Amino acid sequence: MIYITLFLEFFKVGLFTIGGGLASLPFLYELAEKYTWITNSMIADMIAISQSTPGPIGINMATYSGFKAGGILGGIVATFGTVLPSFIIIIIIANFLNKFKSSKLVDSAFKGLRPAVTGLIAVAWFEIIKISIINVSKFLQTNNLFDIVINVKALIIFLVIFFLTKKFDKHPIVFIGIGALVGIVLKL
């Protein structure tokens, strides 16, 4: 039963995620609320792992989630569920591409999809900030702004890495490695 669930859930993720792996994060957070085999902190870990391993982040996250839920077969099923919609859609689009490539309707659809995907990524970004830098759990209970706790060490790492990525044109794995080393040294 877990394999059918994994396939269907990740098929939906693959079908409705437009804009890359990070756009799948809201769907993964929804899965974390719905099932016990994935948590919000695991999603943050998946992002770090997926960013530091070869391959598309969405597929890496599906494989990791599936493996956690159902072992090796679960990883395979979740990965297949994620990529299958893309194959189907690309085959359909390839058949009609020449007919629609100059369509105003298609152009307008893509112009609407871009900000929608940006919004999905922004929501995912905010969720990651809540997990790694800002603790809002007590604030959500009291609505007192003074109950928001900021992890100053994590905030400094975020700001330094953000600055370094803008200043130096290095592969993301360099910055991920720096973050991991600093986390170990500071015992975050």
N, C-alpha and C. Protein backbone atom coordinates (compact mmCIF):
# COMPACT_ATOMS: atom_id res chain seq x y z
N MET A 1 0.83 -1.20 0.00
CA MET A 1 0.00 0.00 0.00
C MET A 1 0.87 1.26 0.00
N ILE A 2 1.99 1.24 0.74
CA ILE A 2 2.86 2.42 0.80
C ILE A 2 3.38 2.78 -0.59
N TYR A 3 3.63 1.78 -1.42
CA TYR A 3 4.19 2.04 -2.75
C TYR A 3 3.18 2.72 -3.65
N ILE A 4 1.93 2.35 -3.55
CA ILE A 4 0.88 3.01 -4.34
C ILE A 4 0.74 4.46 -3.87
N THR A 5 0.76 4.65 -2.56
CA THR A 5 0.67 6.00 -2.00
C THR A 5 1.85 6.85 -2.46
N LEU A 6 3.06 6.28 -2.36
CA LEU A 6 4.25 7.02 -2.80
C LEU A 6 4.14 7.40 -4.28
N PHE A 7 3.75 6.43 -5.11
CA PHE A 7 3.65 6.72 -6.54
C PHE A 7 2.64 7.83 -6.80
N LEU A 8 1.45 7.72 -6.22
CA LEU A 8 0.40 8.71 -6.48
C LEU A 8 0.77 10.09 -5.96
N GLU A 9 1.32 10.14 -4.74
CA GLU A 9 1.68 11.44 -4.17
C GLU A 9 2.79 12.11 -4.97
N PHE A 10 3.81 11.35 -5.34
CA PHE A 10 4.91 11.95 -6.09
C PHE A 10 4.56 12.16 -7.55
N PHE A 11 3.60 11.41 -8.08
CA PHE A 11 3.08 11.70 -9.41
C PHE A 11 2.45 13.09 -9.40
N LYS A 12 1.66 13.38 -8.35
CA LYS A 12 1.05 14.71 -8.22
C LYS A 12 2.13 15.79 -8.11
N VAL A 13 3.16 15.52 -7.31
CA VAL A 13 4.25 16.49 -7.17
C VAL A 13 4.88 16.74 -8.54
N GLY A 14 5.19 15.67 -9.27
CA GLY A 14 5.79 15.81 -10.58
C GLY A 14 4.88 16.50 -11.58
N LEU A 15 3.59 16.26 -11.48
CA LEU A 15 2.63 16.82 -12.41
C LEU A 15 2.41 18.32 -12.20
N PHE A 16 2.37 18.74 -10.93
CA PHE A 16 2.02 20.12 -10.63
C PHE A 16 3.19 21.02 -10.28
N THR A 17 4.39 20.48 -10.21
CA THR A 17 5.55 21.30 -9.91
C THR A 17 6.09 21.88 -11.20
N ILE A 18 5.96 23.17 -11.32
CA ILE A 18 6.47 23.89 -12.48
C ILE A 18 7.50 24.89 -11.97
N GLY A 19 8.71 24.81 -12.49
CA GLY A 19 9.74 25.76 -12.08
C GLY A 19 10.91 25.11 -11.39
N GLY A 20 10.99 23.81 -11.37
CA GLY A 20 12.15 23.15 -10.79
C GLY A 20 11.87 22.58 -9.42
N GLY A 21 12.89 21.94 -8.88
CA GLY A 21 12.77 21.20 -7.64
C GLY A 21 12.34 22.03 -6.44
N LEU A 22 12.83 23.26 -6.35
CA LEU A 22 12.46 24.10 -5.21
C LEU A 22 10.97 24.42 -5.21
N ALA A 23 10.38 24.46 -6.38
CA ALA A 23 8.94 24.71 -6.47
C ALA A 23 8.13 23.54 -5.92
N SER A 24 8.78 22.38 -5.75
CA SER A 24 8.08 21.22 -5.19
C SER A 24 7.99 21.27 -3.68
N LEU A 25 8.71 22.19 -3.06
CA LEU A 25 8.74 22.24 -1.59
C LEU A 25 7.37 22.43 -0.93
N PRO A 26 6.50 23.31 -1.44
CA PRO A 26 5.18 23.40 -0.81
C PRO A 26 4.43 22.06 -0.82
N PHE A 27 4.59 21.29 -1.90
CA PHE A 27 3.95 19.98 -1.98
C PHE A 27 4.55 19.02 -0.94
N LEU A 28 5.87 19.11 -0.76
CA LEU A 28 6.53 18.25 0.22
C LEU A 28 6.11 18.63 1.64
N TYR A 29 5.97 19.92 1.91
CA TYR A 29 5.48 20.34 3.23
C TYR A 29 4.07 19.82 3.48
N GLU A 30 3.27 19.79 2.42
CA GLU A 30 1.92 19.24 2.54
C GLU A 30 1.98 17.74 2.87
N LEU A 31 2.91 17.03 2.23
CA LEU A 31 3.10 15.60 2.53
C LEU A 31 3.54 15.41 3.97
N ALA A 32 4.37 16.34 4.48
CA ALA A 32 4.84 16.24 5.86
C ALA A 32 3.67 16.37 6.84
N GLU A 33 2.68 17.16 6.49
CA GLU A 33 1.50 17.30 7.35
C GLU A 33 0.59 16.08 7.26
N LYS A 34 0.61 15.43 6.11
CA LYS A 34 -0.32 14.34 5.84
C LYS A 34 0.20 12.98 6.28
N TYR A 35 1.52 12.76 6.19
CA TYR A 35 2.09 11.44 6.47
C TYR A 35 3.20 11.54 7.52
N THR A 36 3.47 10.43 8.16
CA THR A 36 4.50 10.40 9.20
C THR A 36 5.89 10.10 8.63
N TRP A 37 5.98 9.69 7.38
CA TRP A 37 7.27 9.30 6.84
C TRP A 37 8.11 10.45 6.33
N ILE A 38 7.65 11.67 6.51
CA ILE A 38 8.44 12.85 6.15
C ILE A 38 8.09 13.96 7.12
N THR A 39 9.09 14.73 7.56
CA THR A 39 8.88 15.84 8.49
C THR A 39 9.47 17.11 7.89
N ASN A 40 9.11 18.25 8.47
CA ASN A 40 9.64 19.52 8.00
C ASN A 40 11.16 19.58 8.13
N SER A 41 11.69 19.07 9.23
CA SER A 41 13.15 19.10 9.39
C SER A 41 13.82 18.15 8.40
N MET A 42 13.16 17.04 8.04
CA MET A 42 13.71 16.16 7.02
C MET A 42 13.74 16.87 5.67
N ILE A 43 12.76 17.71 5.41
CA ILE A 43 12.74 18.46 4.15
C ILE A 43 13.95 19.39 4.09
N ALA A 44 14.24 20.06 5.20
CA ALA A 44 15.43 20.93 5.23
C ALA A 44 16.69 20.11 4.99
N ASP A 45 16.77 18.92 5.59
CA ASP A 45 17.92 18.04 5.37
C ASP A 45 17.98 17.59 3.91
N MET A 46 16.80 17.28 3.34
CA MET A 46 16.75 16.85 1.94
C MET A 46 17.26 17.94 1.01
N ILE A 47 16.93 19.18 1.33
CA ILE A 47 17.39 20.29 0.49
C ILE A 47 18.91 20.34 0.51
N ALA A 48 19.49 20.24 1.71
CA ALA A 48 20.96 20.27 1.82
C ALA A 48 21.58 19.10 1.08
N ILE A 49 21.02 17.91 1.25
CA ILE A 49 21.56 16.72 0.57
C ILE A 49 21.37 16.85 -0.94
N SER A 50 20.18 17.25 -1.35
CA SER A 50 19.89 17.35 -2.78
C SER A 50 20.73 18.41 -3.47
N GLN A 51 21.04 19.48 -2.76
CA GLN A 51 21.87 20.53 -3.35
C GLN A 51 23.32 20.10 -3.46
N SER A 52 23.73 19.12 -2.65
CA SER A 52 25.13 18.72 -2.65
C SER A 52 25.37 17.41 -3.39
N THR A 53 24.34 16.85 -4.01
CA THR A 53 24.50 15.62 -4.80
C THR A 53 24.15 15.92 -6.25
N PRO A 54 24.71 15.13 -7.16
CA PRO A 54 24.39 15.37 -8.57
C PRO A 54 22.93 15.06 -8.88
N GLY A 55 22.40 15.73 -9.87
CA GLY A 55 21.04 15.45 -10.31
C GLY A 55 20.06 16.52 -9.88
N PRO A 56 18.88 16.49 -10.47
CA PRO A 56 17.84 17.47 -10.15
C PRO A 56 17.36 17.34 -8.70
N ILE A 57 17.18 18.46 -8.05
CA ILE A 57 16.81 18.48 -6.64
C ILE A 57 15.46 17.79 -6.39
N GLY A 58 14.49 17.99 -7.27
CA GLY A 58 13.17 17.38 -7.07
C GLY A 58 13.24 15.86 -7.09
N ILE A 59 14.02 15.33 -8.02
CA ILE A 59 14.16 13.88 -8.11
C ILE A 59 14.92 13.34 -6.91
N ASN A 60 15.98 14.05 -6.52
CA ASN A 60 16.73 13.63 -5.33
C ASN A 60 15.84 13.60 -4.09
N MET A 61 14.99 14.62 -3.96
CA MET A 61 14.11 14.67 -2.79
C MET A 61 13.06 13.57 -2.85
N ALA A 62 12.55 13.26 -4.03
CA ALA A 62 11.58 12.16 -4.16
C ALA A 62 12.24 10.84 -3.79
N THR A 63 13.45 10.63 -4.28
CA THR A 63 14.16 9.38 -3.99
C THR A 63 14.41 9.25 -2.49
N TYR A 64 14.85 10.33 -1.86
CA TYR A 64 15.12 10.32 -0.42
C TYR A 64 13.84 10.05 0.37
N SER A 65 12.78 10.76 0.03
CA SER A 65 11.50 10.57 0.73
C SER A 65 10.98 9.15 0.56
N GLY A 66 11.02 8.67 -0.68
CA GLY A 66 10.55 7.31 -0.95
C GLY A 66 11.37 6.27 -0.20
N PHE A 67 12.68 6.48 -0.16
CA PHE A 67 13.54 5.55 0.57
C PHE A 67 13.21 5.55 2.06
N LYS A 68 12.99 6.74 2.63
CA LYS A 68 12.64 6.83 4.05
C LYS A 68 11.31 6.13 4.34
N ALA A 69 10.38 6.21 3.39
CA ALA A 69 9.05 5.64 3.61
C ALA A 69 9.00 4.15 3.29
N GLY A 70 9.72 3.71 2.26
CA GLY A 70 9.56 2.33 1.81
C GLY A 70 10.83 1.65 1.34
N GLY A 71 11.99 2.08 1.84
CA GLY A 71 13.24 1.44 1.46
C GLY A 71 13.61 1.71 0.02
N ILE A 72 14.44 0.83 -0.53
CA ILE A 72 14.94 1.01 -1.90
C ILE A 72 13.80 1.03 -2.91
N LEU A 73 12.87 0.10 -2.79
CA LEU A 73 11.73 0.08 -3.71
C LEU A 73 10.91 1.37 -3.58
N GLY A 74 10.75 1.87 -2.37
CA GLY A 74 10.03 3.12 -2.16
C GLY A 74 10.72 4.28 -2.85
N GLY A 75 12.06 4.32 -2.80
CA GLY A 75 12.81 5.37 -3.49
C GLY A 75 12.61 5.30 -4.99
N ILE A 76 12.62 4.07 -5.53
CA ILE A 76 12.42 3.89 -6.97
C ILE A 76 11.01 4.30 -7.38
N VAL A 77 10.02 3.88 -6.60
CA VAL A 77 8.62 4.20 -6.92
C VAL A 77 8.37 5.70 -6.86
N ALA A 78 8.87 6.37 -5.81
CA ALA A 78 8.67 7.82 -5.68
C ALA A 78 9.36 8.57 -6.81
N THR A 79 10.55 8.13 -7.16
CA THR A 79 11.28 8.77 -8.26
C THR A 79 10.54 8.59 -9.58
N PHE A 80 10.08 7.38 -9.85
CA PHE A 80 9.32 7.11 -11.07
C PHE A 80 8.05 7.95 -11.11
N GLY A 81 7.36 8.03 -9.97
CA GLY A 81 6.14 8.84 -9.89
C GLY A 81 6.42 10.30 -10.18
N THR A 82 7.58 10.79 -9.76
CA THR A 82 7.93 12.19 -9.98
C THR A 82 8.26 12.49 -11.43
N VAL A 83 8.99 11.59 -12.09
CA VAL A 83 9.44 11.89 -13.46
C VAL A 83 8.42 11.53 -14.53
N LEU A 84 7.52 10.60 -14.25
CA LEU A 84 6.57 10.16 -15.26
C LEU A 84 5.73 11.30 -15.84
N PRO A 85 5.18 12.21 -15.03
CA PRO A 85 4.39 13.30 -15.62
C PRO A 85 5.20 14.14 -16.61
N SER A 86 6.48 14.37 -16.29
CA SER A 86 7.32 15.17 -17.21
C SER A 86 7.46 14.48 -18.55
N PHE A 87 7.69 13.17 -18.53
CA PHE A 87 7.80 12.43 -19.79
C PHE A 87 6.51 12.54 -20.60
N ILE A 88 5.40 12.36 -19.93
CA ILE A 88 4.10 12.42 -20.62
C ILE A 88 3.87 13.81 -21.20
N ILE A 89 4.11 14.84 -20.39
CA ILE A 89 3.87 16.22 -20.83
C ILE A 89 4.80 16.60 -21.97
N ILE A 90 6.08 16.23 -21.87
CA ILE A 90 7.04 16.57 -22.93
C ILE A 90 6.66 15.90 -24.24
N ILE A 91 6.22 14.66 -24.18
CA ILE A 91 5.80 13.97 -25.40
C ILE A 91 4.61 14.69 -26.04
N ILE A 92 3.66 15.10 -25.22
CA ILE A 92 2.49 15.83 -25.73
C ILE A 92 2.91 17.18 -26.29
N ILE A 93 3.73 17.91 -25.54
CA ILE A 93 4.15 19.24 -25.99
C ILE A 93 4.96 19.15 -27.28
N ALA A 94 5.85 18.16 -27.35
CA ALA A 94 6.68 18.02 -28.56
C ALA A 94 5.81 17.82 -29.80
N ASN A 95 4.70 17.16 -29.65
CA ASN A 95 3.80 16.94 -30.79
C ASN A 95 3.09 18.22 -31.24
N PHE A 96 2.92 19.15 -30.33
CA PHE A 96 2.17 20.36 -30.65
C PHE A 96 3.02 21.63 -30.63
N LEU A 97 4.31 21.51 -30.36
CA LEU A 97 5.16 22.69 -30.16
C LEU A 97 5.14 23.64 -31.35
N ASN A 98 5.34 23.13 -32.53
CA ASN A 98 5.38 24.01 -33.70
C ASN A 98 4.07 24.75 -33.90
N LYS A 99 2.97 24.10 -33.58
CA LYS A 99 1.66 24.72 -33.77
C LYS A 99 1.44 25.88 -32.79
N PHE A 100 1.95 25.75 -31.56
CA PHE A 100 1.64 26.73 -30.51
C PHE A 100 2.79 27.67 -30.16
N LYS A 101 3.97 27.52 -30.78
CA LYS A 101 5.12 28.29 -30.32
C LYS A 101 4.94 29.81 -30.47
N SER A 102 4.10 30.26 -31.36
CA SER A 102 3.87 31.70 -31.52
C SER A 102 2.51 32.13 -30.97
N SER A 103 1.86 31.28 -30.19
CA SER A 103 0.54 31.57 -29.67
C SER A 103 0.60 32.60 -28.53
N LYS A 104 -0.24 33.60 -28.63
CA LYS A 104 -0.36 34.61 -27.56
C LYS A 104 -0.87 33.97 -26.27
N LEU A 105 -1.75 32.99 -26.41
CA LEU A 105 -2.31 32.30 -25.25
C LEU A 105 -1.22 31.55 -24.48
N VAL A 106 -0.37 30.84 -25.21
CA VAL A 106 0.73 30.11 -24.57
C VAL A 106 1.70 31.09 -23.93
N ASP A 107 2.02 32.17 -24.63
CA ASP A 107 2.92 33.19 -24.08
C ASP A 107 2.34 33.79 -22.80
N SER A 108 1.05 34.07 -22.81
CA SER A 108 0.38 34.64 -21.62
C SER A 108 0.38 33.63 -20.47
N ALA A 109 0.17 32.36 -20.80
CA ALA A 109 0.19 31.33 -19.75
C ALA A 109 1.55 31.29 -19.07
N PHE A 110 2.63 31.33 -19.85
CA PHE A 110 3.97 31.30 -19.26
C PHE A 110 4.25 32.57 -18.46
N LYS A 111 3.74 33.69 -18.90
CA LYS A 111 3.92 34.93 -18.14
C LYS A 111 3.18 34.87 -16.81
N GLY A 112 2.10 34.12 -16.75
CA GLY A 112 1.39 33.93 -15.49
C GLY A 112 2.04 32.86 -14.61
N LEU A 113 2.63 31.86 -15.25
CA LEU A 113 3.29 30.79 -14.48
C LEU A 113 4.53 31.28 -13.75
N ARG A 114 5.28 32.18 -14.35
CA ARG A 114 6.53 32.64 -13.73
C ARG A 114 6.31 33.25 -12.35
N PRO A 115 5.40 34.20 -12.17
CA PRO A 115 5.20 34.73 -10.81
C PRO A 115 4.57 33.71 -9.87
N ALA A 116 3.75 32.80 -10.42
CA ALA A 116 3.16 31.76 -9.57
C ALA A 116 4.26 30.85 -9.01
N VAL A 117 5.19 30.47 -9.85
CA VAL A 117 6.31 29.63 -9.41
C VAL A 117 7.19 30.40 -8.43
N THR A 118 7.39 31.67 -8.68
CA THR A 118 8.16 32.50 -7.75
C THR A 118 7.50 32.51 -6.38
N GLY A 119 6.19 32.59 -6.35
CA GLY A 119 5.46 32.55 -5.08
C GLY A 119 5.64 31.22 -4.37
N LEU A 120 5.58 30.12 -5.11
CA LEU A 120 5.79 28.79 -4.51
C LEU A 120 7.19 28.68 -3.91
N ILE A 121 8.18 29.17 -4.63
CA ILE A 121 9.55 29.11 -4.12
C ILE A 121 9.70 30.01 -2.90
N ALA A 122 9.05 31.18 -2.90
CA ALA A 122 9.12 32.09 -1.74
C ALA A 122 8.51 31.45 -0.50
N VAL A 123 7.40 30.74 -0.66
CA VAL A 123 6.79 30.04 0.48
C VAL A 123 7.76 28.99 1.02
N ALA A 124 8.38 28.24 0.12
CA ALA A 124 9.35 27.23 0.54
C ALA A 124 10.52 27.88 1.26
N TRP A 125 11.00 29.00 0.74
CA TRP A 125 12.09 29.73 1.35
C TRP A 125 11.72 30.15 2.78
N PHE A 126 10.51 30.67 2.94
CA PHE A 126 10.05 31.09 4.26
C PHE A 126 9.99 29.91 5.23
N GLU A 127 9.52 28.76 4.76
CA GLU A 127 9.46 27.58 5.62
C GLU A 127 10.85 27.13 6.06
N ILE A 128 11.82 27.22 5.16
CA ILE A 128 13.19 26.84 5.50
C ILE A 128 13.77 27.83 6.51
N ILE A 129 13.50 29.11 6.33
CA ILE A 129 13.95 30.13 7.30
C ILE A 129 13.38 29.82 8.68
N LYS A 130 12.09 29.44 8.74
CA LYS A 130 11.47 29.11 10.03
C LYS A 130 12.14 27.92 10.69
N ILE A 131 12.59 26.96 9.91
CA ILE A 131 13.23 25.77 10.47
C ILE A 131 14.66 26.07 10.92
N SER A 132 15.39 26.85 10.12
CA SER A 132 16.82 26.98 10.36
C SER A 132 17.24 28.25 11.08
N ILE A 133 16.51 29.33 10.97
CA ILE A 133 16.98 30.60 11.52
C ILE A 133 16.02 31.19 12.56
N ILE A 134 14.74 31.15 12.30
CA ILE A 134 13.77 31.80 13.18
C ILE A 134 12.81 30.76 13.75
N ASN A 135 12.69 30.75 15.06
CA ASN A 135 11.75 29.84 15.72
C ASN A 135 10.51 30.64 16.09
N VAL A 136 9.40 30.32 15.45
CA VAL A 136 8.17 31.08 15.67
C VAL A 136 7.11 30.28 16.43
N SER A 137 7.47 29.09 16.91
CA SER A 137 6.46 28.22 17.52
C SER A 137 5.80 28.87 18.74
N LYS A 138 6.59 29.50 19.62
CA LYS A 138 6.00 30.14 20.80
C LYS A 138 5.19 31.38 20.39
N PHE A 139 5.69 32.12 19.39
CA PHE A 139 4.97 33.28 18.89
C PHE A 139 3.59 32.90 18.36
N LEU A 140 3.51 31.77 17.66
CA LEU A 140 2.22 31.33 17.12
C LEU A 140 1.21 31.04 18.22
N GLN A 141 1.69 30.70 19.40
CA GLN A 141 0.79 30.45 20.53
C GLN A 141 0.39 31.73 21.23
N THR A 142 1.35 32.68 21.34
CA THR A 142 1.10 33.88 22.14
C THR A 142 0.81 35.14 21.33
N ASN A 143 1.20 35.17 20.05
CA ASN A 143 1.11 36.36 19.20
C ASN A 143 1.92 37.53 19.75
N ASN A 144 2.91 37.23 20.57
CA ASN A 144 3.79 38.24 21.14
C ASN A 144 5.08 38.25 20.32
N LEU A 145 5.39 39.37 19.68
CA LEU A 145 6.58 39.45 18.83
C LEU A 145 7.88 39.13 19.58
N PHE A 146 7.89 39.36 20.89
CA PHE A 146 9.09 39.07 21.67
C PHE A 146 9.31 37.58 21.88
N ASP A 147 8.36 36.76 21.47
CA ASP A 147 8.50 35.31 21.58
C ASP A 147 9.11 34.68 20.32
N ILE A 148 9.45 35.52 19.34
CA ILE A 148 10.16 35.02 18.17
C ILE A 148 11.64 34.90 18.55
N VAL A 149 12.19 33.71 18.34
CA VAL A 149 13.58 33.45 18.71
C VAL A 149 14.41 33.34 17.43
N ILE A 150 15.47 34.13 17.37
CA ILE A 150 16.35 34.10 16.20
C ILE A 150 17.63 33.37 16.58
N ASN A 151 17.98 32.37 15.78
CA ASN A 151 19.24 31.66 15.94
C ASN A 151 20.31 32.53 15.30
N VAL A 152 21.01 33.31 16.14
CA VAL A 152 21.97 34.31 15.65
C VAL A 152 23.09 33.65 14.85
N LYS A 153 23.61 32.52 15.32
CA LYS A 153 24.68 31.83 14.59
C LYS A 153 24.21 31.43 13.20
N ALA A 154 23.02 30.87 13.12
CA ALA A 154 22.49 30.45 11.83
C ALA A 154 22.25 31.66 10.93
N LEU A 155 21.78 32.76 11.50
CA LEU A 155 21.55 33.98 10.72
C LEU A 155 22.86 34.51 10.15
N ILE A 156 23.92 34.49 10.96
CA ILE A 156 25.23 34.96 10.50
C ILE A 156 25.73 34.07 9.36
N ILE A 157 25.60 32.75 9.53
CA ILE A 157 26.02 31.84 8.46
C ILE A 157 25.24 32.14 7.19
N PHE A 158 23.93 32.31 7.31
CA PHE A 158 23.10 32.64 6.15
C PHE A 158 23.60 33.90 5.45
N LEU A 159 23.82 34.96 6.22
CA LEU A 159 24.24 36.23 5.64
C LEU A 159 25.63 36.13 4.99
N VAL A 160 26.55 35.44 5.65
CA VAL A 160 27.90 35.29 5.10
C VAL A 160 27.85 34.47 3.80
N ILE A 161 27.14 33.35 3.81
CA ILE A 161 27.05 32.52 2.61
C ILE A 161 26.33 33.29 1.49
N PHE A 162 25.29 34.02 1.83
CA PHE A 162 24.59 34.83 0.83
C PHE A 162 25.56 35.83 0.19
N PHE A 163 26.32 36.51 1.02
CA PHE A 163 27.30 37.48 0.53
C PHE A 163 28.36 36.79 -0.35
N LEU A 164 28.88 35.66 0.13
CA LEU A 164 29.93 34.95 -0.61
C LEU A 164 29.43 34.47 -1.97
N THR A 165 28.19 34.01 -2.03
CA THR A 165 27.67 33.53 -3.33
C THR A 165 27.51 34.69 -4.32
N LYS A 166 27.22 35.87 -3.81
CA LYS A 166 27.09 37.03 -4.70
C LYS A 166 28.46 37.57 -5.10
N LYS A 167 29.43 37.46 -4.21
CA LYS A 167 30.77 38.01 -4.44
C LYS A 167 31.65 37.09 -5.28
N PHE A 168 31.57 35.77 -5.04
CA PHE A 168 32.45 34.82 -5.70
C PHE A 168 31.65 33.83 -6.54
N ASP A 169 32.11 33.64 -7.75
CA ASP A 169 31.44 32.72 -8.67
C ASP A 169 32.00 31.31 -8.48
N LYS A 170 31.53 30.63 -7.46
CA LYS A 170 31.98 29.27 -7.14
C LYS A 170 30.78 28.33 -7.23
N HIS A 171 31.07 27.07 -7.37
CA HIS A 171 30.02 26.04 -7.42
C HIS A 171 29.29 26.01 -6.07
N PRO A 172 27.98 25.79 -6.07
CA PRO A 172 27.23 25.76 -4.80
C PRO A 172 27.77 24.76 -3.78
N ILE A 173 28.40 23.68 -4.23
CA ILE A 173 28.92 22.69 -3.28
C ILE A 173 29.98 23.31 -2.37
N VAL A 174 30.70 24.30 -2.87
CA VAL A 174 31.71 24.99 -2.06
C VAL A 174 31.03 25.66 -0.87
N PHE A 175 29.94 26.34 -1.13
CA PHE A 175 29.23 27.07 -0.06
C PHE A 175 28.51 26.10 0.88
N ILE A 176 28.00 25.01 0.33
CA ILE A 176 27.37 23.99 1.17
C ILE A 176 28.41 23.39 2.10
N GLY A 177 29.60 23.11 1.57
CA GLY A 177 30.69 22.58 2.38
C GLY A 177 31.10 23.54 3.47
N ILE A 178 31.20 24.83 3.14
CA ILE A 178 31.55 25.85 4.14
C ILE A 178 30.49 25.87 5.24
N GLY A 179 29.21 25.85 4.83
CA GLY A 179 28.13 25.85 5.83
C GLY A 179 28.19 24.63 6.73
N ALA A 180 28.47 23.47 6.14
CA ALA A 180 28.56 22.24 6.95
C ALA A 180 29.73 22.33 7.94
N LEU A 181 30.87 22.79 7.47
CA LEU A 181 32.04 22.91 8.35
C LEU A 181 31.78 23.90 9.49
N VAL A 182 31.21 25.04 9.16
CA VAL A 182 30.91 26.03 10.19
C VAL A 182 29.90 25.47 11.19
N GLY A 183 28.90 24.74 10.69
CA GLY A 183 27.92 24.11 11.59
C GLY A 183 28.58 23.13 12.54
N ILE A 184 29.55 22.37 12.04
CA ILE A 184 30.27 21.42 12.89
C ILE A 184 31.10 22.16 13.93
N VAL A 185 31.82 23.18 13.50
CA VAL A 185 32.68 23.94 14.41
C VAL A 185 31.84 24.65 15.49
N LEU A 186 30.73 25.26 15.09
CA LEU A 186 29.89 25.99 16.03
C LEU A 186 28.92 25.09 16.79
N LYS A 187 28.89 23.82 16.42
CA LYS A 187 27.98 22.85 17.06
C LYS A 187 26.53 23.33 17.03
N LEU A 188 26.08 23.69 15.83
CA LEU A 188 24.70 24.18 15.69
C LEU A 188 23.69 23.09 15.91
